[in-house]
């Protein structure tokens, strides 16, 4: 496996990973309607666009396949963390989180936050992040729940 910095040339690849990741989520966690609305954010949400064009992050490659990525934008927020469905639960998410944290520390960031899904919040807890609160958001008239989380960085 190879971990490298994301470049502007990776935008379509990032959207493909994002889409695959959401599409593969168990429908007991998110309904088909929620998954469709969530995955459409790659094309309609300006914050998503800002993250992939202005953020800093890493992409994981395996045998010439792009399998996951993480982006920090703005500098104190892990805004995107996605791993393709058939590569989940193999430690890739943790590797990406640690790379983001290490890069943030190098840049003088002392704490970082994220908005974690009902699926990913357990991964963040495993990596010593703390829950601030659970919140409900509405996208296209559909409710989603997520966790506001943070971590103090001490490297």
Protein backbone atom coordinates (compact mmCIF):
# COMPACT_ATOMS: atom_id res chain seq x y z
CA UNK A 1 0.00 0.00 0.00
CA UNK A 2 1.12 3.51 -0.78
CA UNK A 3 0.06 6.70 1.00
CA UNK A 4 0.62 9.95 -0.89
CA UNK A 5 -0.43 13.59 -0.82
CA UNK A 6 -3.61 14.48 -2.70
CA UNK A 7 -3.22 16.78 -5.71
CA UNK A 8 -5.77 18.79 -7.70
CA UNK A 9 -5.58 16.10 -10.39
CA UNK A 10 -7.22 13.65 -7.94
CA UNK A 11 -10.65 15.33 -7.84
CA UNK A 12 -12.53 12.74 -9.93
CA UNK A 13 -10.75 9.89 -8.13
CA UNK A 14 -11.79 11.35 -4.76
CA UNK A 15 -15.41 11.60 -5.89
CA UNK A 16 -15.32 7.99 -7.09
CA UNK A 17 -13.98 6.78 -3.72
CA UNK A 18 -16.60 8.90 -1.93
CA UNK A 19 -19.41 7.48 -4.06
CA UNK A 20 -18.24 3.87 -3.68
CA UNK A 21 -17.84 4.27 0.07
CA UNK A 22 -21.37 5.58 0.57
CA UNK A 23 -22.96 3.14 -1.90
CA UNK A 24 -21.49 0.20 0.04
CA UNK A 25 -22.90 1.22 3.46
CA UNK A 26 -25.27 -1.30 5.03
CA UNK A 27 -28.89 -0.23 4.52
CA UNK A 28 -29.58 -0.96 8.19
CA UNK A 29 -27.46 2.12 8.96
CA UNK A 30 -28.50 4.46 6.10
CA UNK A 31 -31.52 3.96 3.82
CA UNK A 32 -31.17 3.88 0.03
CA UNK A 33 -32.69 7.39 -0.08
CA UNK A 34 -30.16 8.70 2.47
CA UNK A 35 -27.29 7.10 0.55
CA UNK A 36 -28.43 8.71 -2.71
CA UNK A 37 -28.73 12.15 -1.10
CA UNK A 38 -25.40 11.79 0.72
CA UNK A 39 -23.49 10.62 -2.35
CA UNK A 40 -24.90 13.50 -4.43
CA UNK A 41 -23.09 15.95 -2.15
CA UNK A 42 -19.93 15.39 -4.20
CA UNK A 43 -21.58 17.32 -7.02
CA UNK A 44 -23.88 19.80 -5.24
CA UNK A 45 -22.22 20.77 -1.96
CA UNK A 46 -19.84 23.75 -2.06
CA UNK A 47 -18.11 22.68 1.17
CA UNK A 48 -17.26 19.35 -0.43
CA UNK A 49 -15.83 21.19 -3.44
CA UNK A 50 -13.77 23.50 -1.20
CA UNK A 51 -12.41 20.53 0.73
CA UNK A 52 -11.16 18.68 -2.35
CA UNK A 53 -9.74 21.80 -4.02
CA UNK A 54 -8.34 23.75 -1.06
CA UNK A 55 -7.78 21.07 1.57
CA UNK A 56 -4.68 19.07 2.42
CA UNK A 57 -4.79 15.34 2.62
CA UNK A 58 -3.76 11.87 1.64
CA UNK A 59 -4.90 9.17 -0.72
CA UNK A 60 -4.24 5.46 -0.19
CA UNK A 61 -3.31 3.32 -3.19
CA UNK A 62 -3.14 -0.46 -3.39
CA UNK A 63 -2.05 -2.35 -6.53
CA UNK A 64 -2.74 0.71 -8.73
CA UNK A 65 -6.21 1.18 -7.17
CA UNK A 66 -7.23 4.25 -5.19
CA UNK A 67 -8.94 2.87 -2.10
CA UNK A 68 -9.33 5.69 0.43
CA UNK A 69 -8.63 9.31 1.26
CA UNK A 70 -8.72 11.87 4.05
CA UNK A 71 -8.74 15.66 3.78
CA UNK A 72 -8.24 18.42 6.31
CA UNK A 73 -10.10 21.64 5.51
CA UNK A 74 -10.02 24.13 7.00
CA UNK A 75 -6.74 23.48 8.79
CA UNK A 76 -8.33 22.38 12.10
CA UNK A 77 -10.98 20.07 10.64
CA UNK A 78 -10.80 16.58 9.19
CA UNK A 79 -13.55 17.27 6.67
CA UNK A 80 -13.55 14.08 4.57
CA UNK A 81 -12.57 10.48 5.35
CA UNK A 82 -13.71 7.74 2.99
CA UNK A 83 -12.58 4.20 2.18
CA UNK A 84 -13.99 2.04 -0.62
CA UNK A 85 -16.45 -0.56 0.61
CA UNK A 86 -14.39 -3.67 -0.10
CA UNK A 87 -11.40 -2.19 1.75
CA UNK A 88 -13.15 -1.25 5.01
CA UNK A 89 -12.17 -2.77 8.35
CA UNK A 90 -8.58 -3.30 7.22
CA UNK A 91 -6.95 -0.41 9.13
CA UNK A 92 -6.91 2.02 6.21
CA UNK A 93 -9.16 4.56 7.94
CA UNK A 94 -6.85 4.59 10.97
CA UNK A 95 -3.77 5.04 8.75
CA UNK A 96 -5.44 8.00 7.04
CA UNK A 97 -6.51 9.57 10.35
CA UNK A 98 -2.99 9.24 11.77
CA UNK A 99 -1.48 10.80 8.62
CA UNK A 100 -3.85 13.78 8.89
CA UNK A 101 -3.06 14.20 12.60
CA UNK A 102 0.70 14.00 12.02
CA UNK A 103 0.58 16.58 9.23
CA UNK A 104 -1.55 18.90 11.38
CA UNK A 105 0.95 18.70 14.24
CA UNK A 106 3.81 19.56 11.85
CA UNK A 107 1.87 22.69 10.94
CA UNK A 108 1.36 23.70 14.58
CA UNK A 109 -2.26 22.58 14.95
CA UNK A 110 -2.94 21.54 18.56
CA UNK A 111 -6.48 20.17 18.19
CA UNK A 112 -8.65 18.97 15.34
CA UNK A 113 -12.36 18.38 14.89
CA UNK A 114 -14.66 16.40 12.59
CA UNK A 115 -18.29 15.61 11.89
CA UNK A 116 -18.48 11.81 12.00
CA UNK A 117 -21.24 9.67 10.53
CA UNK A 118 -23.14 6.97 12.41
CA UNK A 119 -20.69 4.56 10.79
CA UNK A 120 -17.36 6.35 11.19
CA UNK A 121 -17.65 7.69 14.74
CA UNK A 122 -16.55 4.32 16.15
CA UNK A 123 -13.34 4.52 14.11
CA UNK A 124 -12.63 7.97 15.54
CA UNK A 125 -13.26 6.74 19.10
CA UNK A 126 -10.84 3.86 18.44
CA UNK A 127 -8.28 6.53 17.46
CA UNK A 128 -8.82 8.44 20.74
CA UNK A 129 -11.19 11.14 19.48
CA UNK A 130 -13.91 12.43 21.84
CA UNK A 131 -17.58 13.08 21.14
CA UNK A 132 -18.73 16.66 21.73
CA UNK A 133 -22.36 16.14 20.73
CA UNK A 134 -24.73 14.32 18.44
CA UNK A 135 -26.60 16.48 15.95
CA UNK A 136 -29.35 16.20 13.39
CA UNK A 137 -28.89 17.82 9.99
CA UNK A 138 -31.31 18.03 7.07
CA UNK A 139 -30.17 17.42 3.49
CA UNK A 140 -32.81 17.60 0.76
CA UNK A 141 -35.59 17.33 3.36
CA UNK A 142 -34.06 14.14 4.81
CA UNK A 143 -32.71 13.80 8.34
CA UNK A 144 -29.18 12.61 9.02
CA UNK A 145 -27.47 12.20 12.39
CA UNK A 146 -23.78 12.74 13.00
CA UNK A 147 -21.33 13.26 15.83
CA UNK A 148 -19.29 16.40 16.40
CA UNK A 149 -15.91 15.13 17.59
CA UNK A 150 -12.45 16.45 18.46
CA UNK A 151 -8.99 15.37 19.43
CA UNK A 152 -6.18 17.21 21.17
CA UNK A 153 -2.98 16.48 19.30
CA UNK A 154 0.12 15.60 21.33
CA UNK A 155 2.94 14.20 19.20
